[in-house]
Amino acid sequence: MTVHANFYTDSEDILAECRLLGSRTLHGQSEPEITTHFTGRVRLVTTRPSIPKEKLVPGAGDAIKVTGDQIYKIYFHGPAYQVIEGAWKDGDQIIGQFAQKLPPNHDPAELPLLASPRYLEMCFQSASLKGLVFQSQLGLPDSFRQFRLLAAPDKDPNATFFAVVTSNPDDSYDVKIVDGKGNICLVLQGYRTMSLPDPVPADLLEPLKKGLKA
């Protein structure tokens, strides 16, 4: 796997046109076969964007809450990426609560991160709950239109974060990561999934449908 990035400027911003390439040499061939898996454009801005506010995301209250244990009987993620503590329905939206006390994301753990990969993964996993509940299909990431990192999430171990998932008419999803003070940290727009062909066992789906479809 190789990442290619071509950089150029746009006014005071820096842009990078990126490609993720895979290379493999097939039996009987002398030259490797190159596959482009993903493409994207990254914009590094010189002016920090203002952080928008959202109403404070409520707790589950009297809603039936789906637990992380129920979700990860279907999802296949390891402990470091079991990022959903629980989820519930709020009107037409699905709310996911970010899990606390996760194992280190990488080793050595003190190496810095810029793009908050587990919070982006929280967007992916929370959005896929809608496909599970309404289509009984497990969807993997396929594409998204835009991802904006507005602020680094608070590193306080007691801080709370929520993924707020909204469905769009074109079957894509918009997801926001919101902290307990209503600050929007990340925005994912136009996210699409690709469904796995095998159906999800009904007994594993039932708790999710009961909690998120009502």
N, C-alpha and C. Protein backbone atom coordinates (compact mmCIF):
# COMPACT_ATOMS: atom_id res chain seq x y z
N MET A 1 0.83 -1.17 0.00
CA MET A 1 0.00 0.00 0.00
C MET A 1 0.89 1.24 0.00
N THR A 2 0.53 2.21 -0.83
CA THR A 2 1.29 3.45 -0.96
C THR A 2 0.33 4.63 -1.02
N VAL A 3 0.67 5.70 -0.32
CA VAL A 3 -0.10 6.94 -0.40
C VAL A 3 0.68 7.93 -1.25
N HIS A 4 0.04 8.44 -2.30
CA HIS A 4 0.62 9.47 -3.14
C HIS A 4 -0.10 10.78 -2.85
N ALA A 5 0.64 11.87 -2.70
CA ALA A 5 0.05 13.18 -2.45
C ALA A 5 0.77 14.23 -3.28
N ASN A 6 0.01 14.98 -4.07
CA ASN A 6 0.54 16.10 -4.84
C ASN A 6 0.04 17.40 -4.20
N PHE A 7 0.96 18.26 -3.81
CA PHE A 7 0.62 19.47 -3.07
C PHE A 7 0.63 20.69 -3.99
N TYR A 8 -0.28 21.61 -3.71
CA TYR A 8 -0.29 22.90 -4.39
C TYR A 8 -1.01 23.90 -3.50
N THR A 9 -0.93 25.17 -3.84
CA THR A 9 -1.53 26.22 -3.02
C THR A 9 -2.81 26.73 -3.67
N ASP A 10 -3.71 27.19 -2.83
CA ASP A 10 -4.95 27.85 -3.26
C ASP A 10 -5.12 29.06 -2.36
N SER A 11 -4.71 30.23 -2.89
CA SER A 11 -4.64 31.43 -2.06
C SER A 11 -3.69 31.14 -0.89
N GLU A 12 -4.15 31.24 0.35
CA GLU A 12 -3.26 30.99 1.48
C GLU A 12 -3.36 29.56 2.01
N ASP A 13 -4.22 28.75 1.43
CA ASP A 13 -4.38 27.37 1.87
C ASP A 13 -3.46 26.44 1.08
N ILE A 14 -3.19 25.28 1.66
CA ILE A 14 -2.42 24.23 0.99
C ILE A 14 -3.35 23.06 0.72
N LEU A 15 -3.37 22.59 -0.52
CA LEU A 15 -4.19 21.46 -0.91
C LEU A 15 -3.30 20.28 -1.29
N ALA A 16 -3.82 19.09 -1.05
CA ALA A 16 -3.11 17.86 -1.44
C ALA A 16 -4.10 16.94 -2.14
N GLU A 17 -3.78 16.55 -3.36
CA GLU A 17 -4.56 15.55 -4.09
C GLU A 17 -3.95 14.19 -3.76
N CYS A 18 -4.72 13.33 -3.10
CA CYS A 18 -4.18 12.10 -2.53
C CYS A 18 -4.79 10.86 -3.19
N ARG A 19 -3.97 9.82 -3.29
CA ARG A 19 -4.43 8.52 -3.79
C ARG A 19 -3.83 7.42 -2.92
N LEU A 20 -4.66 6.44 -2.59
CA LEU A 20 -4.19 5.25 -1.88
C LEU A 20 -4.10 4.12 -2.89
N LEU A 21 -2.88 3.64 -3.14
CA LEU A 21 -2.63 2.64 -4.17
C LEU A 21 -2.20 1.32 -3.55
N GLY A 22 -2.69 0.25 -4.14
CA GLY A 22 -2.25 -1.09 -3.76
C GLY A 22 -1.51 -1.73 -4.92
N SER A 23 -0.46 -2.47 -4.61
CA SER A 23 0.36 -3.11 -5.64
C SER A 23 0.53 -4.58 -5.31
N ARG A 24 0.29 -5.44 -6.31
CA ARG A 24 0.52 -6.87 -6.11
C ARG A 24 0.95 -7.48 -7.44
N THR A 25 1.83 -8.46 -7.35
CA THR A 25 2.30 -9.17 -8.54
C THR A 25 1.58 -10.50 -8.64
N LEU A 26 0.79 -10.67 -9.68
CA LEU A 26 0.00 -11.88 -9.87
C LEU A 26 0.86 -12.98 -10.49
N HIS A 27 0.42 -14.22 -10.29
CA HIS A 27 1.15 -15.37 -10.81
C HIS A 27 1.26 -15.28 -12.33
N GLY A 28 2.46 -15.46 -12.82
CA GLY A 28 2.69 -15.47 -14.26
C GLY A 28 2.90 -14.10 -14.86
N GLN A 29 2.88 -13.04 -14.04
CA GLN A 29 3.08 -11.70 -14.56
C GLN A 29 4.37 -11.12 -13.99
N SER A 30 5.07 -10.38 -14.83
CA SER A 30 6.34 -9.79 -14.40
C SER A 30 6.16 -8.41 -13.80
N GLU A 31 5.08 -7.72 -14.18
CA GLU A 31 4.84 -6.38 -13.67
C GLU A 31 3.72 -6.40 -12.63
N PRO A 32 3.84 -5.59 -11.58
CA PRO A 32 2.79 -5.56 -10.56
C PRO A 32 1.50 -4.92 -11.09
N GLU A 33 0.40 -5.36 -10.54
CA GLU A 33 -0.90 -4.76 -10.85
C GLU A 33 -1.19 -3.67 -9.82
N ILE A 34 -1.46 -2.46 -10.31
CA ILE A 34 -1.69 -1.31 -9.44
C ILE A 34 -3.19 -1.02 -9.38
N THR A 35 -3.72 -0.91 -8.17
CA THR A 35 -5.13 -0.61 -7.96
C THR A 35 -5.27 0.66 -7.13
N THR A 36 -6.09 1.59 -7.62
CA THR A 36 -6.40 2.79 -6.84
C THR A 36 -7.60 2.49 -5.96
N HIS A 37 -7.38 2.48 -4.64
CA HIS A 37 -8.45 2.14 -3.70
C HIS A 37 -9.28 3.35 -3.30
N PHE A 38 -8.62 4.45 -3.03
CA PHE A 38 -9.34 5.66 -2.61
C PHE A 38 -8.63 6.88 -3.16
N THR A 39 -9.40 7.93 -3.40
CA THR A 39 -8.84 9.24 -3.75
C THR A 39 -9.49 10.29 -2.85
N GLY A 40 -8.80 11.38 -2.66
CA GLY A 40 -9.36 12.45 -1.83
C GLY A 40 -8.52 13.71 -1.93
N ARG A 41 -9.13 14.81 -1.52
CA ARG A 41 -8.45 16.10 -1.50
C ARG A 41 -8.42 16.61 -0.07
N VAL A 42 -7.24 16.98 0.39
CA VAL A 42 -7.06 17.52 1.73
C VAL A 42 -6.76 19.00 1.63
N ARG A 43 -7.46 19.80 2.42
CA ARG A 43 -7.21 21.25 2.46
C ARG A 43 -6.73 21.63 3.86
N LEU A 44 -5.55 22.22 3.93
CA LEU A 44 -5.01 22.75 5.18
C LEU A 44 -5.21 24.26 5.16
N VAL A 45 -6.04 24.74 6.09
CA VAL A 45 -6.40 26.16 6.08
C VAL A 45 -5.48 26.94 7.01
N THR A 46 -5.26 28.19 6.68
CA THR A 46 -4.41 29.04 7.51
C THR A 46 -5.20 29.73 8.62
N THR A 47 -6.51 29.86 8.43
CA THR A 47 -7.35 30.52 9.43
C THR A 47 -8.19 29.47 10.13
N ARG A 48 -8.06 29.39 11.43
CA ARG A 48 -8.84 28.41 12.20
C ARG A 48 -10.33 28.74 12.09
N PRO A 49 -11.16 27.76 11.70
CA PRO A 49 -12.60 28.05 11.59
C PRO A 49 -13.22 28.24 12.96
N SER A 50 -14.27 29.07 13.00
CA SER A 50 -15.01 29.21 14.25
C SER A 50 -15.74 27.91 14.53
N ILE A 51 -15.84 27.56 15.80
CA ILE A 51 -16.46 26.30 16.19
C ILE A 51 -17.95 26.52 16.40
N PRO A 52 -18.79 25.92 15.57
CA PRO A 52 -20.23 26.11 15.74
C PRO A 52 -20.74 25.41 16.99
N LYS A 53 -21.89 25.86 17.45
CA LYS A 53 -22.52 25.27 18.63
C LYS A 53 -23.76 24.51 18.21
N GLU A 54 -24.04 23.47 18.94
CA GLU A 54 -25.27 22.72 18.76
C GLU A 54 -25.93 22.62 20.13
N LYS A 55 -27.23 22.47 20.12
CA LYS A 55 -27.88 22.26 21.41
C LYS A 55 -27.24 21.06 22.09
N LEU A 56 -27.16 21.11 23.38
CA LEU A 56 -26.54 20.03 24.13
C LEU A 56 -27.27 18.73 23.85
N VAL A 57 -26.54 17.74 23.39
CA VAL A 57 -27.16 16.46 23.07
C VAL A 57 -27.69 15.83 24.36
N PRO A 58 -28.97 15.48 24.40
CA PRO A 58 -29.53 14.93 25.64
C PRO A 58 -29.07 13.51 25.88
N GLY A 59 -29.22 13.06 27.12
CA GLY A 59 -29.00 11.66 27.43
C GLY A 59 -30.14 10.83 26.90
N ALA A 60 -30.03 9.53 27.06
CA ALA A 60 -31.05 8.64 26.52
C ALA A 60 -32.39 8.82 27.20
N GLY A 61 -32.38 9.29 28.45
CA GLY A 61 -33.63 9.51 29.15
C GLY A 61 -34.45 8.24 29.25
N ASP A 62 -35.71 8.33 28.81
CA ASP A 62 -36.59 7.17 28.87
C ASP A 62 -36.51 6.31 27.61
N ALA A 63 -35.67 6.73 26.63
CA ALA A 63 -35.55 5.95 25.40
C ALA A 63 -34.86 4.62 25.69
N ILE A 64 -35.17 3.63 24.88
CA ILE A 64 -34.51 2.33 25.02
C ILE A 64 -33.11 2.46 24.44
N LYS A 65 -32.11 2.21 25.25
CA LYS A 65 -30.73 2.40 24.83
C LYS A 65 -30.12 1.08 24.40
N VAL A 66 -29.44 1.09 23.27
CA VAL A 66 -28.71 -0.07 22.77
C VAL A 66 -27.29 0.00 23.32
N THR A 67 -26.81 -1.07 23.88
CA THR A 67 -25.49 -1.07 24.51
C THR A 67 -24.39 -1.43 23.52
N GLY A 68 -23.17 -1.05 23.89
CA GLY A 68 -22.02 -1.43 23.08
C GLY A 68 -21.87 -2.93 22.98
N ASP A 69 -22.15 -3.65 24.05
CA ASP A 69 -22.06 -5.12 24.01
C ASP A 69 -22.97 -5.70 22.94
N GLN A 70 -24.18 -5.15 22.81
CA GLN A 70 -25.11 -5.63 21.78
C GLN A 70 -24.61 -5.29 20.38
N ILE A 71 -24.06 -4.10 20.24
CA ILE A 71 -23.58 -3.66 18.92
C ILE A 71 -22.39 -4.50 18.47
N TYR A 72 -21.45 -4.80 19.37
CA TYR A 72 -20.23 -5.49 18.96
C TYR A 72 -20.37 -7.01 18.92
N LYS A 73 -21.58 -7.49 19.11
CA LYS A 73 -21.88 -8.86 18.72
C LYS A 73 -22.06 -8.96 17.21
N ILE A 74 -22.31 -7.81 16.57
CA ILE A 74 -22.45 -7.74 15.11
C ILE A 74 -21.20 -7.13 14.48
N TYR A 75 -20.78 -6.00 14.98
CA TYR A 75 -19.56 -5.38 14.47
C TYR A 75 -18.35 -6.24 14.85
N PHE A 76 -17.31 -6.15 14.03
CA PHE A 76 -16.15 -7.04 14.18
C PHE A 76 -14.91 -6.32 14.72
N HIS A 77 -15.06 -5.11 15.23
CA HIS A 77 -13.91 -4.31 15.62
C HIS A 77 -13.26 -4.84 16.90
N GLY A 78 -11.93 -4.67 16.97
CA GLY A 78 -11.20 -5.05 18.18
C GLY A 78 -11.40 -4.03 19.28
N PRO A 79 -10.86 -4.30 20.48
CA PRO A 79 -11.13 -3.46 21.65
C PRO A 79 -10.80 -1.98 21.45
N ALA A 80 -9.71 -1.66 20.75
CA ALA A 80 -9.31 -0.26 20.60
C ALA A 80 -10.28 0.53 19.73
N TYR A 81 -11.08 -0.16 18.93
CA TYR A 81 -12.02 0.54 18.05
C TYR A 81 -13.47 0.16 18.32
N GLN A 82 -13.74 -0.33 19.51
CA GLN A 82 -15.12 -0.49 19.97
C GLN A 82 -15.53 0.83 20.60
N VAL A 83 -15.79 1.80 19.73
CA VAL A 83 -15.89 3.21 20.14
C VAL A 83 -17.28 3.61 20.62
N ILE A 84 -18.29 2.78 20.41
CA ILE A 84 -19.65 3.14 20.80
C ILE A 84 -19.96 2.57 22.17
N GLU A 85 -20.21 3.44 23.13
CA GLU A 85 -20.64 3.02 24.46
C GLU A 85 -22.09 2.59 24.46
N GLY A 86 -22.91 3.31 23.70
CA GLY A 86 -24.34 3.02 23.60
C GLY A 86 -24.95 3.92 22.55
N ALA A 87 -26.19 3.65 22.16
CA ALA A 87 -26.86 4.44 21.14
C ALA A 87 -28.35 4.48 21.43
N TRP A 88 -29.01 5.52 20.91
CA TRP A 88 -30.46 5.64 21.08
C TRP A 88 -31.02 6.51 19.96
N LYS A 89 -32.31 6.56 19.87
CA LYS A 89 -33.01 7.31 18.83
C LYS A 89 -33.53 8.62 19.41
N ASP A 90 -33.37 9.70 18.67
CA ASP A 90 -33.88 11.01 19.06
C ASP A 90 -34.56 11.62 17.84
N GLY A 91 -35.88 11.46 17.75
CA GLY A 91 -36.59 11.89 16.55
C GLY A 91 -36.17 11.05 15.37
N ASP A 92 -35.71 11.71 14.30
CA ASP A 92 -35.23 10.99 13.11
C ASP A 92 -33.73 10.72 13.18
N GLN A 93 -33.09 11.11 14.24
CA GLN A 93 -31.64 10.96 14.35
C GLN A 93 -31.27 9.78 15.24
N ILE A 94 -30.10 9.22 14.94
CA ILE A 94 -29.48 8.23 15.82
C ILE A 94 -28.35 8.93 16.57
N ILE A 95 -28.31 8.73 17.88
CA ILE A 95 -27.26 9.31 18.71
C ILE A 95 -26.38 8.18 19.23
N GLY A 96 -25.08 8.31 19.03
CA GLY A 96 -24.13 7.36 19.59
C GLY A 96 -23.27 8.05 20.63
N GLN A 97 -23.04 7.40 21.76
CA GLN A 97 -22.17 7.96 22.79
C GLN A 97 -20.80 7.32 22.70
N PHE A 98 -19.77 8.17 22.67
CA PHE A 98 -18.40 7.69 22.52
C PHE A 98 -17.95 6.97 23.80
N ALA A 99 -17.29 5.85 23.61
CA ALA A 99 -16.84 5.04 24.75
C ALA A 99 -15.63 5.67 25.43
N GLN A 100 -15.60 5.59 26.73
CA GLN A 100 -14.46 6.05 27.51
C GLN A 100 -13.58 4.85 27.88
N LYS A 101 -12.36 5.15 28.31
CA LYS A 101 -11.42 4.13 28.79
C LYS A 101 -11.10 3.08 27.73
N LEU A 102 -10.90 3.55 26.49
CA LEU A 102 -10.48 2.64 25.42
C LEU A 102 -8.99 2.34 25.54
N PRO A 103 -8.54 1.19 25.03
CA PRO A 103 -7.10 0.92 24.97
C PRO A 103 -6.41 1.94 24.07
N PRO A 104 -5.07 2.04 24.14
CA PRO A 104 -4.36 2.98 23.28
C PRO A 104 -4.68 2.76 21.80
N ASN A 105 -4.73 3.85 21.06
CA ASN A 105 -5.01 3.78 19.63
C ASN A 105 -3.83 3.21 18.85
N HIS A 106 -2.62 3.49 19.32
CA HIS A 106 -1.42 3.07 18.60
C HIS A 106 -0.27 2.91 19.59
N ASP A 107 0.83 2.37 19.10
CA ASP A 107 2.00 2.10 19.94
C ASP A 107 3.25 2.64 19.24
N PRO A 108 4.02 3.51 19.92
CA PRO A 108 3.83 4.00 21.29
C PRO A 108 2.69 5.01 21.39
N ALA A 109 1.97 4.95 22.51
CA ALA A 109 0.75 5.73 22.67
C ALA A 109 1.00 7.23 22.71
N GLU A 110 2.22 7.65 23.06
CA GLU A 110 2.48 9.09 23.20
C GLU A 110 2.69 9.80 21.86
N LEU A 111 2.79 9.06 20.77
CA LEU A 111 2.92 9.72 19.47
C LEU A 111 1.66 10.53 19.18
N PRO A 112 1.82 11.76 18.66
CA PRO A 112 0.65 12.63 18.48
C PRO A 112 -0.17 12.24 17.26
N LEU A 113 -1.46 12.59 17.30
CA LEU A 113 -2.38 12.41 16.19
C LEU A 113 -3.02 13.75 15.87
N LEU A 114 -3.32 13.96 14.59
CA LEU A 114 -3.96 15.20 14.18
C LEU A 114 -5.43 15.00 13.84
N ALA A 115 -5.75 13.91 13.15
CA ALA A 115 -7.07 13.78 12.55
C ALA A 115 -8.07 12.99 13.38
N SER A 116 -7.73 12.59 14.59
CA SER A 116 -8.67 11.92 15.50
C SER A 116 -9.36 10.72 14.83
N PRO A 117 -8.60 9.68 14.46
CA PRO A 117 -9.19 8.58 13.68
C PRO A 117 -10.32 7.86 14.39
N ARG A 118 -10.28 7.76 15.71
CA ARG A 118 -11.35 7.02 16.39
C ARG A 118 -12.66 7.81 16.40
N TYR A 119 -12.57 9.13 16.33
CA TYR A 119 -13.81 9.91 16.25
C TYR A 119 -14.40 9.83 14.85
N LEU A 120 -13.55 9.76 13.84
CA LEU A 120 -14.05 9.51 12.49
C LEU A 120 -14.67 8.12 12.41
N GLU A 121 -14.02 7.14 13.02
CA GLU A 121 -14.58 5.79 13.07
C GLU A 121 -15.92 5.78 13.80
N MET A 122 -16.06 6.63 14.82
CA MET A 122 -17.34 6.76 15.52
C MET A 122 -18.43 7.21 14.56
N CYS A 123 -18.09 8.12 13.65
CA CYS A 123 -19.05 8.54 12.62
C CYS A 123 -19.46 7.35 11.75
N PHE A 124 -18.47 6.59 11.27
CA PHE A 124 -18.76 5.45 10.40
C PHE A 124 -19.66 4.44 11.11
N GLN A 125 -19.28 4.05 12.32
CA GLN A 125 -20.02 2.99 13.00
C GLN A 125 -21.42 3.44 13.41
N SER A 126 -21.56 4.68 13.85
CA SER A 126 -22.88 5.16 14.26
C SER A 126 -23.82 5.25 13.06
N ALA A 127 -23.30 5.72 11.92
CA ALA A 127 -24.14 5.79 10.72
C ALA A 127 -24.57 4.40 10.27
N SER A 128 -23.69 3.42 10.38
CA SER A 128 -24.02 2.07 9.94
C SER A 128 -25.13 1.43 10.78
N LEU A 129 -25.36 1.96 11.98
CA LEU A 129 -26.47 1.45 12.78
C LEU A 129 -27.81 1.63 12.07
N LYS A 130 -27.94 2.72 11.30
CA LYS A 130 -29.20 2.95 10.59
C LYS A 130 -29.44 1.88 9.53
N GLY A 131 -28.38 1.53 8.80
CA GLY A 131 -28.52 0.47 7.81
C GLY A 131 -28.85 -0.86 8.44
N LEU A 132 -28.26 -1.13 9.60
CA LEU A 132 -28.56 -2.37 10.31
C LEU A 132 -30.02 -2.43 10.72
N VAL A 133 -30.52 -1.34 11.25
CA VAL A 133 -31.87 -1.33 11.82
C VAL A 133 -32.94 -1.33 10.74
N PHE A 134 -32.73 -0.56 9.67
CA PHE A 134 -33.80 -0.38 8.69
C PHE A 134 -33.65 -1.27 7.45
N GLN A 135 -32.43 -1.72 7.13
CA GLN A 135 -32.25 -2.62 5.98
C GLN A 135 -31.72 -3.99 6.38
N SER A 136 -31.43 -4.19 7.64
CA SER A 136 -30.86 -5.46 8.13
C SER A 136 -29.57 -5.81 7.40
N GLN A 137 -28.81 -4.79 7.02
CA GLN A 137 -27.55 -4.98 6.31
C GLN A 137 -26.43 -4.25 7.04
N LEU A 138 -25.28 -4.90 7.12
CA LEU A 138 -24.10 -4.27 7.71
C LEU A 138 -23.34 -3.55 6.61
N GLY A 139 -23.21 -2.23 6.75
CA GLY A 139 -22.56 -1.43 5.72
C GLY A 139 -21.15 -1.01 6.11
N LEU A 140 -20.21 -1.21 5.19
CA LEU A 140 -18.83 -0.78 5.39
C LEU A 140 -18.61 0.56 4.68
N PRO A 141 -17.60 1.34 5.10
CA PRO A 141 -17.36 2.63 4.45
C PRO A 141 -17.10 2.48 2.96
N ASP A 142 -17.78 3.31 2.18
CA ASP A 142 -17.59 3.33 0.72
C ASP A 142 -17.02 4.67 0.26
N SER A 143 -17.64 5.77 0.68
CA SER A 143 -17.17 7.09 0.27
C SER A 143 -17.82 8.15 1.14
N PHE A 144 -17.27 9.35 1.08
CA PHE A 144 -17.93 10.50 1.69
C PHE A 144 -17.58 11.74 0.88
N ARG A 145 -18.46 12.75 0.99
CA ARG A 145 -18.25 13.97 0.22
C ARG A 145 -17.25 14.90 0.90
N GLN A 146 -17.38 15.06 2.21
CA GLN A 146 -16.49 16.00 2.90
C GLN A 146 -16.36 15.61 4.37
N PHE A 147 -15.15 15.78 4.89
CA PHE A 147 -14.87 15.59 6.32
C PHE A 147 -14.14 16.82 6.80
N ARG A 148 -14.68 17.46 7.84
CA ARG A 148 -14.06 18.67 8.38
C ARG A 148 -13.69 18.44 9.84
N LEU A 149 -12.44 18.71 10.14
CA LEU A 149 -11.95 18.65 11.52
C LEU A 149 -11.92 20.08 12.03
N LEU A 150 -12.89 20.41 12.89
CA LEU A 150 -13.04 21.78 13.36
C LEU A 150 -12.27 22.07 14.63
N ALA A 151 -12.13 21.07 15.48
CA ALA A 151 -11.43 21.26 16.75
C ALA A 151 -10.95 19.91 17.25
N ALA A 152 -9.82 19.92 17.93
CA ALA A 152 -9.33 18.68 18.54
C ALA A 152 -10.21 18.34 19.73
N PRO A 153 -10.74 17.12 19.78
CA PRO A 153 -11.58 16.75 20.92
C PRO A 153 -10.82 16.87 22.24
N ASP A 154 -11.55 17.28 23.27
CA ASP A 154 -10.99 17.43 24.61
C ASP A 154 -10.37 16.11 25.07
N LYS A 155 -9.15 16.17 25.60
CA LYS A 155 -8.46 14.96 26.05
C LYS A 155 -8.77 14.59 27.49
N ASP A 156 -9.63 15.36 28.14
CA ASP A 156 -10.05 15.02 29.50
C ASP A 156 -10.70 13.64 29.48
N PRO A 157 -10.20 12.68 30.26
CA PRO A 157 -10.78 11.32 30.22
C PRO A 157 -12.24 11.27 30.62
N ASN A 158 -12.73 12.31 31.30
CA ASN A 158 -14.14 12.33 31.71
C ASN A 158 -15.03 13.10 30.73
N ALA A 159 -14.44 13.64 29.66
CA ALA A 159 -15.24 14.38 28.68
C ALA A 159 -16.15 13.42 27.93
N THR A 160 -17.33 13.92 27.56
CA THR A 160 -18.30 13.10 26.83
C THR A 160 -18.44 13.62 25.40
N PHE A 161 -18.62 12.68 24.48
CA PHE A 161 -18.79 13.02 23.07
C PHE A 161 -19.91 12.17 22.48
N PHE A 162 -20.59 12.74 21.50
CA PHE A 162 -21.73 12.07 20.88
C PHE A 162 -21.62 12.18 19.36
N ALA A 163 -22.02 11.14 18.66
CA ALA A 163 -22.19 11.19 17.21
C ALA A 163 -23.67 11.38 16.92
N VAL A 164 -23.99 12.40 16.14
CA VAL A 164 -25.38 12.71 15.78
C VAL A 164 -25.54 12.39 14.29
N VAL A 165 -26.34 11.38 13.98
CA VAL A 165 -26.46 10.85 12.62
C VAL A 165 -27.80 11.29 12.02
N THR A 166 -27.73 11.90 10.83
CA THR A 166 -28.92 12.32 10.09
C THR A 166 -28.90 11.67 8.72
N SER A 167 -30.02 11.11 8.29
CA SER A 167 -30.13 10.50 6.96
C SER A 167 -30.49 11.57 5.93
N ASN A 168 -29.92 11.43 4.73
CA ASN A 168 -30.23 12.32 3.61
C ASN A 168 -31.13 11.62 2.60
N PRO A 169 -31.87 12.38 1.78
CA PRO A 169 -32.77 11.76 0.79
C PRO A 169 -32.06 10.86 -0.22
N ASP A 170 -30.76 11.08 -0.45
CA ASP A 170 -30.02 10.27 -1.43
C ASP A 170 -29.37 9.04 -0.81
N ASP A 171 -29.84 8.66 0.40
CA ASP A 171 -29.35 7.47 1.12
C ASP A 171 -27.94 7.64 1.68
N SER A 172 -27.45 8.85 1.72
CA SER A 172 -26.19 9.11 2.40
C SER A 172 -26.48 9.62 3.81
N TYR A 173 -25.42 9.81 4.59
CA TYR A 173 -25.58 10.25 5.98
C TYR A 173 -24.69 11.46 6.25
N ASP A 174 -25.17 12.32 7.11
CA ASP A 174 -24.36 13.39 7.69
C ASP A 174 -24.18 13.07 9.18
N VAL A 175 -22.96 13.22 9.67
CA VAL A 175 -22.68 12.90 11.07
C VAL A 175 -21.85 14.03 11.68
N LYS A 176 -22.21 14.41 12.90
CA LYS A 176 -21.45 15.40 13.66
C LYS A 176 -20.98 14.77 14.97
N ILE A 177 -19.74 15.06 15.34
CA ILE A 177 -19.26 14.72 16.68
C ILE A 177 -19.38 15.97 17.55
N VAL A 178 -20.17 15.84 18.62
CA VAL A 178 -20.49 16.97 19.49
C VAL A 178 -20.02 16.64 20.90
N ASP A 179 -19.39 17.60 21.57
CA ASP A 179 -18.98 17.34 22.95
C ASP A 179 -20.11 17.68 23.91
N GLY A 180 -19.88 17.42 25.19
CA GLY A 180 -20.92 17.61 26.18
C GLY A 180 -21.30 19.06 26.41
N LYS A 181 -20.54 20.00 25.83
CA LYS A 181 -20.86 21.42 25.94
C LYS A 181 -21.56 21.95 24.69
N GLY A 182 -21.80 21.07 23.73
CA GLY A 182 -22.46 21.48 22.50
C GLY A 182 -21.53 21.93 21.40
N ASN A 183 -20.21 21.85 21.60
CA ASN A 183 -19.26 22.22 20.55
C ASN A 183 -19.19 21.12 19.50
N ILE A 184 -19.26 21.50 18.24
CA ILE A 184 -19.14 20.54 17.14
C ILE A 184 -17.66 20.42 16.79
N CYS A 185 -17.11 19.22 16.96
CA CYS A 185 -15.67 18.99 16.75
C CYS A 185 -15.37 18.50 15.34
N LEU A 186 -16.19 17.60 14.82
CA LEU A 186 -15.98 17.00 13.51
C LEU A 186 -17.30 16.98 12.77
N VAL A 187 -17.22 17.11 11.45
CA VAL A 187 -18.41 17.01 10.60
C VAL A 187 -18.09 16.10 9.43
N LEU A 188 -18.90 15.09 9.23
CA LEU A 188 -18.79 14.17 8.09
C LEU A 188 -20.05 14.33 7.25
N GLN A 189 -19.91 14.63 5.96
CA GLN A 189 -21.06 14.89 5.10
C GLN A 189 -21.05 13.94 3.90
N GLY A 190 -22.25 13.51 3.52
CA GLY A 190 -22.40 12.68 2.33
C GLY A 190 -21.74 11.32 2.46
N TYR A 191 -21.79 10.74 3.65
CA TYR A 191 -21.16 9.43 3.88
C TYR A 191 -22.05 8.32 3.32
N ARG A 192 -21.44 7.42 2.57
CA ARG A 192 -22.15 6.28 1.98
C ARG A 192 -21.49 4.98 2.42
N THR A 193 -22.32 3.95 2.54
CA THR A 193 -21.81 2.64 2.91
C THR A 193 -22.02 1.65 1.77
N MET A 194 -21.28 0.55 1.84
CA MET A 194 -21.43 -0.57 0.91
C MET A 194 -21.82 -1.79 1.74
N SER A 195 -23.00 -2.34 1.47
CA SER A 195 -23.53 -3.42 2.31
C SER A 195 -22.83 -4.74 2.02
N LEU A 196 -22.53 -5.48 3.07
CA LEU A 196 -22.03 -6.84 2.91
C LEU A 196 -23.17 -7.73 2.42
N PRO A 197 -22.86 -8.74 1.61
CA PRO A 197 -23.94 -9.55 1.01
C PRO A 197 -24.66 -10.46 1.99
N ASP A 198 -23.98 -10.90 3.03
CA ASP A 198 -24.60 -11.86 3.94
C ASP A 198 -25.53 -11.16 4.92
N PRO A 199 -26.71 -11.73 5.16
CA PRO A 199 -27.64 -11.13 6.12
C PRO A 199 -27.12 -11.25 7.55
N VAL A 200 -27.54 -10.32 8.39
CA VAL A 200 -27.17 -10.34 9.80
C VAL A 200 -28.16 -11.22 10.55
N PRO A 201 -27.70 -12.12 11.42
CA PRO A 201 -28.62 -13.00 12.16
C PRO A 201 -29.70 -12.21 12.89
N ALA A 202 -30.93 -12.69 12.78
CA ALA A 202 -32.08 -11.97 13.33
C ALA A 202 -31.98 -11.80 14.84
N ASP A 203 -31.44 -12.79 15.54
CA ASP A 203 -31.39 -12.70 17.00
C ASP A 203 -30.41 -11.62 17.46
N LEU A 204 -29.39 -11.31 16.64
CA LEU A 204 -28.47 -10.24 16.98
C LEU A 204 -29.03 -8.87 16.62
N LEU A 205 -29.87 -8.84 15.59
CA LEU A 205 -30.47 -7.58 15.15
C LEU A 205 -31.59 -7.12 16.06
N GLU A 206 -32.30 -8.05 16.67
CA GLU A 206 -33.52 -7.71 17.40
C GLU A 206 -33.31 -6.65 18.48
N PRO A 207 -32.26 -6.73 19.33
CA PRO A 207 -32.07 -5.68 20.34
C PRO A 207 -31.85 -4.30 19.73
N LEU A 208 -31.16 -4.24 18.58
CA LEU A 208 -30.91 -2.96 17.93
C LEU A 208 -32.20 -2.39 17.36
N LYS A 209 -33.00 -3.23 16.73
CA LYS A 209 -34.26 -2.76 16.17
C LYS A 209 -35.20 -2.28 17.27
N LYS A 210 -35.20 -2.99 18.37
CA LYS A 210 -36.07 -2.61 19.48
C LYS A 210 -35.68 -1.26 20.05
N GLY A 211 -34.39 -0.99 20.10
CA GLY A 211 -33.93 0.25 20.71
C GLY A 211 -33.87 1.43 19.77
N LEU A 212 -33.70 1.20 18.45
CA LEU A 212 -33.43 2.29 17.52
C LEU A 212 -34.49 2.51 16.46
N LYS A 213 -35.43 1.60 16.34
CA LYS A 213 -36.43 1.73 15.28
C LYS A 213 -37.75 2.25 15.80
N ALA A 214 -37.97 2.15 17.10
CA ALA A 214 -39.27 2.55 17.67
C ALA A 214 -39.49 4.05 17.49
